[in-house]
ModelCIF file with pLDDT and N, C-alpha, C, O atoms, coordinates in Angstrom:
data_MODEL
#
_entry.id   MODEL 
#
_entity.id                         1 
_entity.type                       polymer 
_entity.pdbx_number_of_molecules   1 
#
_entity_poly.entity_id                      1 
_entity_poly.type                           'polypeptide(L)' 
_entity_poly.nstd_linkage                   no 
_entity_poly.nstd_monomer                   no 
_entity_poly.pdbx_seq_one_letter_code       RDPEAEIIVSFAVSQDGYTQSGLYYKDLIAAAAGVPGITACGLNCICG 
_entity_poly.pdbx_seq_one_letter_code_can   RDPEAEIIVSFAVSQDGYTQSGLYYKDLIAAAAGVPGITACGLNCICG 
_entity_poly.pdbx_strand_id                 A 
#
loop_
_entity_poly_seq.entity_id 
_entity_poly_seq.num 
_entity_poly_seq.mon_id 
_entity_poly_seq.hetero 
1 1  ARG n 
1 2  ASP n 
1 3  PRO n 
1 4  GLU n 
1 5  ALA n 
1 6  GLU n 
1 7  ILE n 
1 8  ILE n 
1 9  VAL n 
1 10 SER n 
1 11 PHE n 
1 12 ALA n 
1 13 VAL n 
1 14 SER n 
1 15 GLN n 
1 16 ASP n 
1 17 GLY n 
1 18 TYR n 
1 19 THR n 
1 20 GLN n 
1 21 SER n 
1 22 GLY n 
1 23 LEU n 
1 24 TYR n 
1 25 TYR n 
1 26 LYS n 
1 27 ASP n 
1 28 LEU n 
1 29 ILE n 
1 30 ALA n 
1 31 ALA n 
1 32 ALA n 
1 33 ALA n 
1 34 GLY n 
1 35 VAL n 
1 36 PRO n 
1 37 GLY n 
1 38 ILE n 
1 39 THR n 
1 40 ALA n 
1 41 CYS n 
1 42 GLY n 
1 43 LEU n 
1 44 ASN n 
1 45 CYS n 
1 46 ILE n 
1 47 CYS n 
1 48 GLY n 
#
_struct_asym.id          A 
_struct_asym.entity_id   1 
#
loop_
_ma_qa_metric.id 
_ma_qa_metric.mode 
_ma_qa_metric.name 
_ma_qa_metric.software_group_id 
_ma_qa_metric.type 
1 global pLDDT . pLDDT 
2 local  pLDDT . pLDDT 
#
_ma_qa_metric_global.metric_id      1 
_ma_qa_metric_global.metric_value   97.02 
_ma_qa_metric_global.model_id       1 
_ma_qa_metric_global.ordinal_id     1 
#
loop_
_ma_qa_metric_local.label_asym_id 
_ma_qa_metric_local.label_comp_id 
_ma_qa_metric_local.label_seq_id 
_ma_qa_metric_local.metric_id 
_ma_qa_metric_local.metric_value 
_ma_qa_metric_local.model_id 
_ma_qa_metric_local.ordinal_id 
A ARG 1  2 97.00 1 1  
A ASP 2  2 97.00 1 2  
A PRO 3  2 97.00 1 3  
A GLU 4  2 97.00 1 4  
A ALA 5  2 98.00 1 5  
A GLU 6  2 98.00 1 6  
A ILE 7  2 98.00 1 7  
A ILE 8  2 98.00 1 8  
A VAL 9  2 98.00 1 9  
A SER 10 2 98.00 1 10 
A PHE 11 2 98.00 1 11 
A ALA 12 2 98.00 1 12 
A VAL 13 2 98.00 1 13 
A SER 14 2 96.00 1 14 
A GLN 15 2 96.00 1 15 
A ASP 16 2 97.00 1 16 
A GLY 17 2 97.00 1 17 
A TYR 18 2 98.00 1 18 
A THR 19 2 97.00 1 19 
A GLN 20 2 95.00 1 20 
A SER 21 2 96.00 1 21 
A GLY 22 2 97.00 1 22 
A LEU 23 2 98.00 1 23 
A TYR 24 2 98.00 1 24 
A TYR 25 2 98.00 1 25 
A LYS 26 2 98.00 1 26 
A ASP 27 2 98.00 1 27 
A LEU 28 2 98.00 1 28 
A ILE 29 2 98.00 1 29 
A ALA 30 2 97.00 1 30 
A ALA 31 2 98.00 1 31 
A ALA 32 2 98.00 1 32 
A ALA 33 2 97.00 1 33 
A GLY 34 2 96.00 1 34 
A VAL 35 2 97.00 1 35 
A PRO 36 2 94.00 1 36 
A GLY 37 2 95.00 1 37 
A ILE 38 2 98.00 1 38 
A THR 39 2 96.00 1 39 
A ALA 40 2 97.00 1 40 
A CYS 41 2 98.00 1 41 
A GLY 42 2 98.00 1 42 
A LEU 43 2 98.00 1 43 
A ASN 44 2 98.00 1 44 
A CYS 45 2 95.00 1 45 
A ILE 46 2 94.00 1 46 
A CYS 47 2 94.00 1 47 
A GLY 48 2 94.00 1 48 
#
loop_
_atom_site.group_PDB 
_atom_site.id 
_atom_site.type_symbol 
_atom_site.label_atom_id 
_atom_site.label_alt_id 
_atom_site.label_comp_id 
_atom_site.label_asym_id 
_atom_site.label_entity_id 
_atom_site.label_seq_id 
_atom_site.pdbx_PDB_ins_code 
_atom_site.Cartn_x 
_atom_site.Cartn_y 
_atom_site.Cartn_z 
_atom_site.occupancy 
_atom_site.B_iso_or_equiv 
_atom_site.pdbx_formal_charge 
_atom_site.auth_seq_id 
_atom_site.auth_comp_id 
_atom_site.auth_asym_id 
_atom_site.auth_atom_id 
_atom_site.pdbx_PDB_model_num 
ATOM 1   N N  . ARG A 1 1  ? 11.889  2.938  -163.057 1.00 97.00 ? 1  ARG A N  1 
ATOM 2   C CA . ARG A 1 1  ? 11.929  1.691  -162.295 1.00 97.00 ? 1  ARG A CA 1 
ATOM 3   C C  . ARG A 1 1  ? 11.142  0.586  -162.989 1.00 97.00 ? 1  ARG A C  1 
ATOM 4   O O  . ARG A 1 1  ? 11.540  -0.579 -162.967 1.00 97.00 ? 1  ARG A O  1 
ATOM 5   N N  . ASP A 1 2  ? 10.019  0.962  -163.607 1.00 97.00 ? 2  ASP A N  1 
ATOM 6   C CA . ASP A 1 2  ? 9.153   -0.025 -164.248 1.00 97.00 ? 2  ASP A CA 1 
ATOM 7   C C  . ASP A 1 2  ? 8.560   0.575  -165.521 1.00 97.00 ? 2  ASP A C  1 
ATOM 8   O O  . ASP A 1 2  ? 7.526   1.241  -165.472 1.00 97.00 ? 2  ASP A O  1 
ATOM 9   N N  . PRO A 1 3  ? 9.212   0.341  -166.662 1.00 97.00 ? 3  PRO A N  1 
ATOM 10  C CA . PRO A 1 3  ? 8.736   0.927  -167.919 1.00 97.00 ? 3  PRO A CA 1 
ATOM 11  C C  . PRO A 1 3  ? 7.313   0.506  -168.292 1.00 97.00 ? 3  PRO A C  1 
ATOM 12  O O  . PRO A 1 3  ? 6.662   1.178  -169.093 1.00 97.00 ? 3  PRO A O  1 
ATOM 13  N N  . GLU A 1 4  ? 6.823   -0.598 -167.722 1.00 97.00 ? 4  GLU A N  1 
ATOM 14  C CA . GLU A 1 4  ? 5.482   -1.079 -168.045 1.00 97.00 ? 4  GLU A CA 1 
ATOM 15  C C  . GLU A 1 4  ? 4.419   -0.541 -167.096 1.00 97.00 ? 4  GLU A C  1 
ATOM 16  O O  . GLU A 1 4  ? 3.245   -0.878 -167.242 1.00 97.00 ? 4  GLU A O  1 
ATOM 17  N N  . ALA A 1 5  ? 4.801   0.281  -166.135 1.00 98.00 ? 5  ALA A N  1 
ATOM 18  C CA . ALA A 1 5  ? 3.845   0.788  -165.151 1.00 98.00 ? 5  ALA A CA 1 
ATOM 19  C C  . ALA A 1 5  ? 2.742   1.609  -165.818 1.00 98.00 ? 5  ALA A C  1 
ATOM 20  O O  . ALA A 1 5  ? 2.975   2.305  -166.806 1.00 98.00 ? 5  ALA A O  1 
ATOM 21  N N  . GLU A 1 6  ? 1.539   1.511  -165.257 1.00 98.00 ? 6  GLU A N  1 
ATOM 22  C CA . GLU A 1 6  ? 0.401   2.281  -165.741 1.00 98.00 ? 6  GLU A CA 1 
ATOM 23  C C  . GLU A 1 6  ? 0.194   3.479  -164.813 1.00 98.00 ? 6  GLU A C  1 
ATOM 24  O O  . GLU A 1 6  ? 0.122   3.320  -163.594 1.00 98.00 ? 6  GLU A O  1 
ATOM 25  N N  . ILE A 1 7  ? 0.098   4.671  -165.391 1.00 98.00 ? 7  ILE A N  1 
ATOM 26  C CA . ILE A 1 7  ? -0.019  5.896  -164.592 1.00 98.00 ? 7  ILE A CA 1 
ATOM 27  C C  . ILE A 1 7  ? -1.174  6.735  -165.112 1.00 98.00 ? 7  ILE A C  1 
ATOM 28  O O  . ILE A 1 7  ? -1.215  7.107  -166.285 1.00 98.00 ? 7  ILE A O  1 
ATOM 29  N N  . ILE A 1 8  ? -2.118  7.025  -164.212 1.00 98.00 ? 8  ILE A N  1 
ATOM 30  C CA . ILE A 1 8  ? -3.243  7.910  -164.521 1.00 98.00 ? 8  ILE A CA 1 
ATOM 31  C C  . ILE A 1 8  ? -3.059  9.207  -163.733 1.00 98.00 ? 8  ILE A C  1 
ATOM 32  O O  . ILE A 1 8  ? -2.758  9.180  -162.540 1.00 98.00 ? 8  ILE A O  1 
ATOM 33  N N  . VAL A 1 9  ? -3.239  10.322 -164.399 1.00 98.00 ? 9  VAL A N  1 
ATOM 34  C CA . VAL A 1 9  ? -3.145  11.636 -163.766 1.00 98.00 ? 9  VAL A CA 1 
ATOM 35  C C  . VAL A 1 9  ? -4.495  12.320 -163.923 1.00 98.00 ? 9  VAL A C  1 
ATOM 36  O O  . VAL A 1 9  ? -4.998  12.457 -165.039 1.00 98.00 ? 9  VAL A O  1 
ATOM 37  N N  . SER A 1 10 ? -5.086  12.752 -162.806 1.00 98.00 ? 10 SER A N  1 
ATOM 38  C CA . SER A 1 10 ? -6.442  13.296 -162.835 1.00 98.00 ? 10 SER A CA 1 
ATOM 39  C C  . SER A 1 10 ? -6.519  14.626 -162.086 1.00 98.00 ? 10 SER A C  1 
ATOM 40  O O  . SER A 1 10 ? -5.991  14.757 -160.981 1.00 98.00 ? 10 SER A O  1 
ATOM 41  N N  . PHE A 1 11 ? -7.175  15.601 -162.693 1.00 98.00 ? 11 PHE A N  1 
ATOM 42  C CA . PHE A 1 11 ? -7.245  16.952 -162.145 1.00 98.00 ? 11 PHE A CA 1 
ATOM 43  C C  . PHE A 1 11 ? -8.639  17.244 -161.572 1.00 98.00 ? 11 PHE A C  1 
ATOM 44  O O  . PHE A 1 11 ? -9.646  16.739 -162.069 1.00 98.00 ? 11 PHE A O  1 
ATOM 45  N N  . ALA A 1 12 ? -8.673  18.059 -160.531 1.00 98.00 ? 12 ALA A N  1 
ATOM 46  C CA . ALA A 1 12 ? -9.932  18.493 -159.931 1.00 98.00 ? 12 ALA A CA 1 
ATOM 47  C C  . ALA A 1 12 ? -10.228 19.915 -160.381 1.00 98.00 ? 12 ALA A C  1 
ATOM 48  O O  . ALA A 1 12 ? -9.448  20.833 -160.127 1.00 98.00 ? 12 ALA A O  1 
ATOM 49  N N  . VAL A 1 13 ? -11.364 20.090 -161.053 1.00 98.00 ? 13 VAL A N  1 
ATOM 50  C CA . VAL A 1 13 ? -11.711 21.409 -161.569 1.00 98.00 ? 13 VAL A CA 1 
ATOM 51  C C  . VAL A 1 13 ? -13.141 21.761 -161.180 1.00 98.00 ? 13 VAL A C  1 
ATOM 52  O O  . VAL A 1 13 ? -13.979 20.884 -160.971 1.00 98.00 ? 13 VAL A O  1 
ATOM 53  N N  . SER A 1 14 ? -13.398 23.042 -161.090 1.00 96.00 ? 14 SER A N  1 
ATOM 54  C CA . SER A 1 14 ? -14.739 23.534 -160.786 1.00 96.00 ? 14 SER A CA 1 
ATOM 55  C C  . SER A 1 14 ? -15.594 23.501 -162.050 1.00 96.00 ? 14 SER A C  1 
ATOM 56  O O  . SER A 1 14 ? -15.132 23.082 -163.112 1.00 96.00 ? 14 SER A O  1 
ATOM 57  N N  . GLN A 1 15 ? -16.830 23.941 -161.929 1.00 96.00 ? 15 GLN A N  1 
ATOM 58  C CA . GLN A 1 15 ? -17.754 23.891 -163.061 1.00 96.00 ? 15 GLN A CA 1 
ATOM 59  C C  . GLN A 1 15 ? -17.289 24.726 -164.245 1.00 96.00 ? 15 GLN A C  1 
ATOM 60  O O  . GLN A 1 15 ? -17.674 24.461 -165.384 1.00 96.00 ? 15 GLN A O  1 
ATOM 61  N N  . ASP A 1 16 ? -16.454 25.745 -163.980 1.00 97.00 ? 16 ASP A N  1 
ATOM 62  C CA . ASP A 1 16 ? -15.945 26.577 -165.075 1.00 97.00 ? 16 ASP A CA 1 
ATOM 63  C C  . ASP A 1 16 ? -14.652 26.023 -165.670 1.00 97.00 ? 16 ASP A C  1 
ATOM 64  O O  . ASP A 1 16 ? -14.083 26.617 -166.587 1.00 97.00 ? 16 ASP A O  1 
ATOM 65  N N  . GLY A 1 17 ? -14.188 24.884 -165.148 1.00 97.00 ? 17 GLY A N  1 
ATOM 66  C CA . GLY A 1 17 ? -13.031 24.222 -165.737 1.00 97.00 ? 17 GLY A CA 1 
ATOM 67  C C  . GLY A 1 17 ? -11.689 24.618 -165.171 1.00 97.00 ? 17 GLY A C  1 
ATOM 68  O O  . GLY A 1 17 ? -10.657 24.248 -165.730 1.00 97.00 ? 17 GLY A O  1 
ATOM 69  N N  . TYR A 1 18 ? -11.669 25.359 -164.079 1.00 98.00 ? 18 TYR A N  1 
ATOM 70  C CA . TYR A 1 18 ? -10.411 25.809 -163.488 1.00 98.00 ? 18 TYR A CA 1 
ATOM 71  C C  . TYR A 1 18 ? -10.106 25.073 -162.188 1.00 98.00 ? 18 TYR A C  1 
ATOM 72  O O  . TYR A 1 18 ? -11.009 24.766 -161.410 1.00 98.00 ? 18 TYR A O  1 
ATOM 73  N N  . THR A 1 19 ? -8.813  24.792 -161.960 1.00 97.00 ? 19 THR A N  1 
ATOM 74  C CA . THR A 1 19 ? -8.383  24.178 -160.715 1.00 97.00 ? 19 THR A CA 1 
ATOM 75  C C  . THR A 1 19 ? -8.205  25.251 -159.646 1.00 97.00 ? 19 THR A C  1 
ATOM 76  O O  . THR A 1 19 ? -8.307  26.444 -159.930 1.00 97.00 ? 19 THR A O  1 
ATOM 77  N N  . GLN A 1 20 ? -7.941  24.820 -158.426 1.00 95.00 ? 20 GLN A N  1 
ATOM 78  C CA . GLN A 1 20 ? -7.697  25.765 -157.331 1.00 95.00 ? 20 GLN A CA 1 
ATOM 79  C C  . GLN A 1 20 ? -6.436  26.582 -157.571 1.00 95.00 ? 20 GLN A C  1 
ATOM 80  O O  . GLN A 1 20 ? -6.254  27.634 -156.958 1.00 95.00 ? 20 GLN A O  1 
ATOM 81  N N  . SER A 1 21 ? -5.567  26.112 -158.452 1.00 96.00 ? 21 SER A N  1 
ATOM 82  C CA . SER A 1 21 ? -4.366  26.873 -158.801 1.00 96.00 ? 21 SER A CA 1 
ATOM 83  C C  . SER A 1 21 ? -4.617  27.834 -159.952 1.00 96.00 ? 21 SER A C  1 
ATOM 84  O O  . SER A 1 21 ? -3.701  28.530 -160.391 1.00 96.00 ? 21 SER A O  1 
ATOM 85  N N  . GLY A 1 22 ? -5.850  27.879 -160.445 1.00 97.00 ? 22 GLY A N  1 
ATOM 86  C CA . GLY A 1 22 ? -6.193  28.803 -161.519 1.00 97.00 ? 22 GLY A CA 1 
ATOM 87  C C  . GLY A 1 22 ? -5.821  28.325 -162.904 1.00 97.00 ? 22 GLY A C  1 
ATOM 88  O O  . GLY A 1 22 ? -5.749  29.126 -163.837 1.00 97.00 ? 22 GLY A O  1 
ATOM 89  N N  . LEU A 1 23 ? -5.581  27.023 -163.055 1.00 98.00 ? 23 LEU A N  1 
ATOM 90  C CA . LEU A 1 23 ? -5.200  26.467 -164.354 1.00 98.00 ? 23 LEU A CA 1 
ATOM 91  C C  . LEU A 1 23 ? -6.418  25.888 -165.055 1.00 98.00 ? 23 LEU A C  1 
ATOM 92  O O  . LEU A 1 23 ? -7.302  25.323 -164.410 1.00 98.00 ? 23 LEU A O  1 
ATOM 93  N N  . TYR A 1 24 ? -6.464  26.030 -166.376 1.00 98.00 ? 24 TYR A N  1 
ATOM 94  C CA . TYR A 1 24 ? -7.623  25.618 -167.156 1.00 98.00 ? 24 TYR A CA 1 
ATOM 95  C C  . TYR A 1 24 ? -7.506  24.160 -167.569 1.00 98.00 ? 24 TYR A C  1 
ATOM 96  O O  . TYR A 1 24 ? -6.433  23.698 -167.957 1.00 98.00 ? 24 TYR A O  1 
ATOM 97  N N  . TYR A 1 25 ? -8.621  23.440 -167.484 1.00 98.00 ? 25 TYR A N  1 
ATOM 98  C CA . TYR A 1 25 ? -8.578  21.992 -167.670 1.00 98.00 ? 25 TYR A CA 1 
ATOM 99  C C  . TYR A 1 25 ? -8.152  21.561 -169.069 1.00 98.00 ? 25 TYR A C  1 
ATOM 100 O O  . TYR A 1 25 ? -7.492  20.532 -169.218 1.00 98.00 ? 25 TYR A O  1 
ATOM 101 N N  . LYS A 1 26 ? -8.513  22.319 -170.084 1.00 98.00 ? 26 LYS A N  1 
ATOM 102 C CA . LYS A 1 26 ? -8.108  21.943 -171.436 1.00 98.00 ? 26 LYS A CA 1 
ATOM 103 C C  . LYS A 1 26 ? -6.594  21.997 -171.583 1.00 98.00 ? 26 LYS A C  1 
ATOM 104 O O  . LYS A 1 26 ? -5.999  21.140 -172.237 1.00 98.00 ? 26 LYS A O  1 
ATOM 105 N N  . ASP A 1 27 ? -5.973  22.998 -170.979 1.00 98.00 ? 27 ASP A N  1 
ATOM 106 C CA . ASP A 1 27 ? -4.512  23.121 -171.043 1.00 98.00 ? 27 ASP A CA 1 
ATOM 107 C C  . ASP A 1 27 ? -3.844  21.988 -170.270 1.00 98.00 ? 27 ASP A C  1 
ATOM 108 O O  . ASP A 1 27 ? -2.835  21.441 -170.715 1.00 98.00 ? 27 ASP A O  1 
ATOM 109 N N  . LEU A 1 28 ? -4.407  21.634 -169.111 1.00 98.00 ? 28 LEU A N  1 
ATOM 110 C CA . LEU A 1 28 ? -3.832  20.568 -168.294 1.00 98.00 ? 28 LEU A CA 1 
ATOM 111 C C  . LEU A 1 28 ? -3.945  19.208 -168.990 1.00 98.00 ? 28 LEU A C  1 
ATOM 112 O O  . LEU A 1 28 ? -2.991  18.431 -168.996 1.00 98.00 ? 28 LEU A O  1 
ATOM 113 N N  . ILE A 1 29 ? -5.098  18.928 -169.569 1.00 98.00 ? 29 ILE A N  1 
ATOM 114 C CA . ILE A 1 29 ? -5.286  17.650 -170.264 1.00 98.00 ? 29 ILE A CA 1 
ATOM 115 C C  . ILE A 1 29 ? -4.334  17.557 -171.455 1.00 98.00 ? 29 ILE A C  1 
ATOM 116 O O  . ILE A 1 29 ? -3.730  16.509 -171.685 1.00 98.00 ? 29 ILE A O  1 
ATOM 117 N N  . ALA A 1 30 ? -4.199  18.640 -172.209 1.00 97.00 ? 30 ALA A N  1 
ATOM 118 C CA . ALA A 1 30 ? -3.294  18.645 -173.361 1.00 97.00 ? 30 ALA A CA 1 
ATOM 119 C C  . ALA A 1 30 ? -1.854  18.422 -172.916 1.00 97.00 ? 30 ALA A C  1 
ATOM 120 O O  . ALA A 1 30 ? -1.110  17.673 -173.549 1.00 97.00 ? 30 ALA A O  1 
ATOM 121 N N  . ALA A 1 31 ? -1.464  19.080 -171.816 1.00 98.00 ? 31 ALA A N  1 
ATOM 122 C CA . ALA A 1 31 ? -0.094  18.923 -171.320 1.00 98.00 ? 31 ALA A CA 1 
ATOM 123 C C  . ALA A 1 31 ? 0.155   17.503 -170.825 1.00 98.00 ? 31 ALA A C  1 
ATOM 124 O O  . ALA A 1 31 ? 1.184   16.906 -171.143 1.00 98.00 ? 31 ALA A O  1 
ATOM 125 N N  . ALA A 1 32 ? -0.783  16.956 -170.046 1.00 98.00 ? 32 ALA A N  1 
ATOM 126 C CA . ALA A 1 32 ? -0.605  15.609 -169.499 1.00 98.00 ? 32 ALA A CA 1 
ATOM 127 C C  . ALA A 1 32 ? -0.582  14.560 -170.602 1.00 98.00 ? 32 ALA A C  1 
ATOM 128 O O  . ALA A 1 32 ? 0.184   13.599 -170.534 1.00 98.00 ? 32 ALA A O  1 
ATOM 129 N N  . ALA A 1 33 ? -1.426  14.745 -171.624 1.00 97.00 ? 33 ALA A N  1 
ATOM 130 C CA . ALA A 1 33 ? -1.483  13.785 -172.725 1.00 97.00 ? 33 ALA A CA 1 
ATOM 131 C C  . ALA A 1 33 ? -0.172  13.733 -173.499 1.00 97.00 ? 33 ALA A C  1 
ATOM 132 O O  . ALA A 1 33 ? 0.116   12.744 -174.172 1.00 97.00 ? 33 ALA A O  1 
ATOM 133 N N  . GLY A 1 34 ? 0.622   14.796 -173.406 1.00 96.00 ? 34 GLY A N  1 
ATOM 134 C CA . GLY A 1 34 ? 1.890   14.844 -174.128 1.00 96.00 ? 34 GLY A CA 1 
ATOM 135 C C  . GLY A 1 34 ? 3.088   14.388 -173.323 1.00 96.00 ? 34 GLY A C  1 
ATOM 136 O O  . GLY A 1 34 ? 4.213   14.423 -173.823 1.00 96.00 ? 34 GLY A O  1 
ATOM 137 N N  . VAL A 1 35 ? 2.873   13.958 -172.078 1.00 97.00 ? 35 VAL A N  1 
ATOM 138 C CA . VAL A 1 35 ? 3.992   13.543 -171.226 1.00 97.00 ? 35 VAL A CA 1 
ATOM 139 C C  . VAL A 1 35 ? 4.277   12.054 -171.421 1.00 97.00 ? 35 VAL A C  1 
ATOM 140 O O  . VAL A 1 35 ? 3.391   11.230 -171.198 1.00 97.00 ? 35 VAL A O  1 
ATOM 141 N N  . PRO A 1 36 ? 5.487   11.695 -171.828 1.00 94.00 ? 36 PRO A N  1 
ATOM 142 C CA . PRO A 1 36 ? 5.832   10.281 -171.928 1.00 94.00 ? 36 PRO A CA 1 
ATOM 143 C C  . PRO A 1 36 ? 5.705   9.612  -170.558 1.00 94.00 ? 36 PRO A C  1 
ATOM 144 O O  . PRO A 1 36 ? 6.183   10.136 -169.551 1.00 94.00 ? 36 PRO A O  1 
ATOM 145 N N  . GLY A 1 37 ? 5.077   8.488  -170.539 1.00 95.00 ? 37 GLY A N  1 
ATOM 146 C CA . GLY A 1 37 ? 4.933   7.770  -169.277 1.00 95.00 ? 37 GLY A CA 1 
ATOM 147 C C  . GLY A 1 37 ? 3.549   7.874  -168.675 1.00 95.00 ? 37 GLY A C  1 
ATOM 148 O O  . GLY A 1 37 ? 3.160   7.006  -167.893 1.00 95.00 ? 37 GLY A O  1 
ATOM 149 N N  . ILE A 1 38 ? 2.782   8.917  -169.013 1.00 98.00 ? 38 ILE A N  1 
ATOM 150 C CA . ILE A 1 38 ? 1.416   9.032  -168.515 1.00 98.00 ? 38 ILE A CA 1 
ATOM 151 C C  . ILE A 1 38 ? 0.504   8.235  -169.444 1.00 98.00 ? 38 ILE A C  1 
ATOM 152 O O  . ILE A 1 38 ? 0.404   8.527  -170.635 1.00 98.00 ? 38 ILE A O  1 
ATOM 153 N N  . THR A 1 39 ? -0.157  7.228  -168.882 1.00 96.00 ? 39 THR A N  1 
ATOM 154 C CA . THR A 1 39 ? -0.998  6.333  -169.664 1.00 96.00 ? 39 THR A CA 1 
ATOM 155 C C  . THR A 1 39 ? -2.343  6.952  -169.980 1.00 96.00 ? 39 THR A C  1 
ATOM 156 O O  . THR A 1 39 ? -2.858  6.815  -171.089 1.00 96.00 ? 39 THR A O  1 
ATOM 157 N N  . ALA A 1 40 ? -2.911  7.640  -168.991 1.00 97.00 ? 40 ALA A N  1 
ATOM 158 C CA . ALA A 1 40 ? -4.228  8.250  -169.152 1.00 97.00 ? 40 ALA A CA 1 
ATOM 159 C C  . ALA A 1 40 ? -4.298  9.507  -168.295 1.00 97.00 ? 40 ALA A C  1 
ATOM 160 O O  . ALA A 1 40 ? -3.556  9.647  -167.323 1.00 97.00 ? 40 ALA A O  1 
ATOM 161 N N  . CYS A 1 41 ? -5.187  10.412 -168.656 1.00 98.00 ? 41 CYS A N  1 
ATOM 162 C CA . CYS A 1 41 ? -5.383  11.621 -167.871 1.00 98.00 ? 41 CYS A CA 1 
ATOM 163 C C  . CYS A 1 41 ? -6.861  11.965 -167.878 1.00 98.00 ? 41 CYS A C  1 
ATOM 164 O O  . CYS A 1 41 ? -7.614  11.519 -168.744 1.00 98.00 ? 41 CYS A O  1 
ATOM 165 N N  . GLY A 1 42 ? -7.269  12.775 -166.891 1.00 98.00 ? 42 GLY A N  1 
ATOM 166 C CA . GLY A 1 42 ? -8.682  13.087 -166.838 1.00 98.00 ? 42 GLY A CA 1 
ATOM 167 C C  . GLY A 1 42 ? -9.058  14.013 -165.704 1.00 98.00 ? 42 GLY A C  1 
ATOM 168 O O  . GLY A 1 42 ? -8.252  14.819 -165.241 1.00 98.00 ? 42 GLY A O  1 
ATOM 169 N N  . LEU A 1 43 ? -10.325 13.879 -165.255 1.00 98.00 ? 43 LEU A N  1 
ATOM 170 C CA . LEU A 1 43 ? -10.893 14.763 -164.256 1.00 98.00 ? 43 LEU A CA 1 
ATOM 171 C C  . LEU A 1 43 ? -11.577 13.950 -163.162 1.00 98.00 ? 43 LEU A C  1 
ATOM 172 O O  . LEU A 1 43 ? -12.145 12.890 -163.427 1.00 98.00 ? 43 LEU A O  1 
ATOM 173 N N  . ASN A 1 44 ? -11.520 14.451 -161.940 1.00 98.00 ? 44 ASN A N  1 
ATOM 174 C CA . ASN A 1 44 ? -12.257 13.846 -160.831 1.00 98.00 ? 44 ASN A CA 1 
ATOM 175 C C  . ASN A 1 44 ? -12.555 14.918 -159.788 1.00 98.00 ? 44 ASN A C  1 
ATOM 176 O O  . ASN A 1 44 ? -11.919 15.972 -159.761 1.00 98.00 ? 44 ASN A O  1 
ATOM 177 N N  . CYS A 1 45 ? -13.525 14.631 -158.937 1.00 95.00 ? 45 CYS A N  1 
ATOM 178 C CA . CYS A 1 45 ? -13.845 15.452 -157.779 1.00 95.00 ? 45 CYS A CA 1 
ATOM 179 C C  . CYS A 1 45 ? -14.430 16.829 -158.157 1.00 95.00 ? 45 CYS A C  1 
ATOM 180 O O  . CYS A 1 45 ? -14.502 17.197 -159.329 1.00 95.00 ? 45 CYS A O  1 
ATOM 181 N N  . ILE A 1 46 ? -14.835 17.556 -157.134 1.00 94.00 ? 46 ILE A N  1 
ATOM 182 C CA . ILE A 1 46 ? -15.464 18.888 -157.194 1.00 94.00 ? 46 ILE A CA 1 
ATOM 183 C C  . ILE A 1 46 ? -16.773 18.867 -157.985 1.00 94.00 ? 46 ILE A C  1 
ATOM 184 O O  . ILE A 1 46 ? -17.828 19.184 -157.436 1.00 94.00 ? 46 ILE A O  1 
ATOM 185 N N  . CYS A 1 47 ? -16.716 18.499 -159.263 1.00 94.00 ? 47 CYS A N  1 
ATOM 186 C CA . CYS A 1 47 ? -17.910 18.498 -160.102 1.00 94.00 ? 47 CYS A CA 1 
ATOM 187 C C  . CYS A 1 47 ? -18.753 17.241 -159.903 1.00 94.00 ? 47 CYS A C  1 
ATOM 188 O O  . CYS A 1 47 ? -18.234 16.144 -159.693 1.00 94.00 ? 47 CYS A O  1 
ATOM 189 N N  . GLY A 1 48 ? -20.083 17.438 -159.975 1.00 94.00 ? 48 GLY A N  1 
ATOM 190 C CA . GLY A 1 48 ? -20.985 16.308 -160.078 1.00 94.00 ? 48 GLY A CA 1 
ATOM 191 C C  . GLY A 1 48 ? -20.969 15.774 -161.501 1.00 94.00 ? 48 GLY A C  1 
ATOM 192 O O  . GLY A 1 48 ? -21.670 14.808 -161.806 1.00 94.00 ? 48 GLY A O  1 
#
């Protein structure tokens, strides 16, 4: 709909780097960084 749209995708992980679905943050960041259309990716919540 909007090729210029900015999209950030952010995952919530515990202190050991795993999400509630049991996925590891390094794998998720690598996967998200390779998706066309995702402008930025990162982490939020759970951890201080």
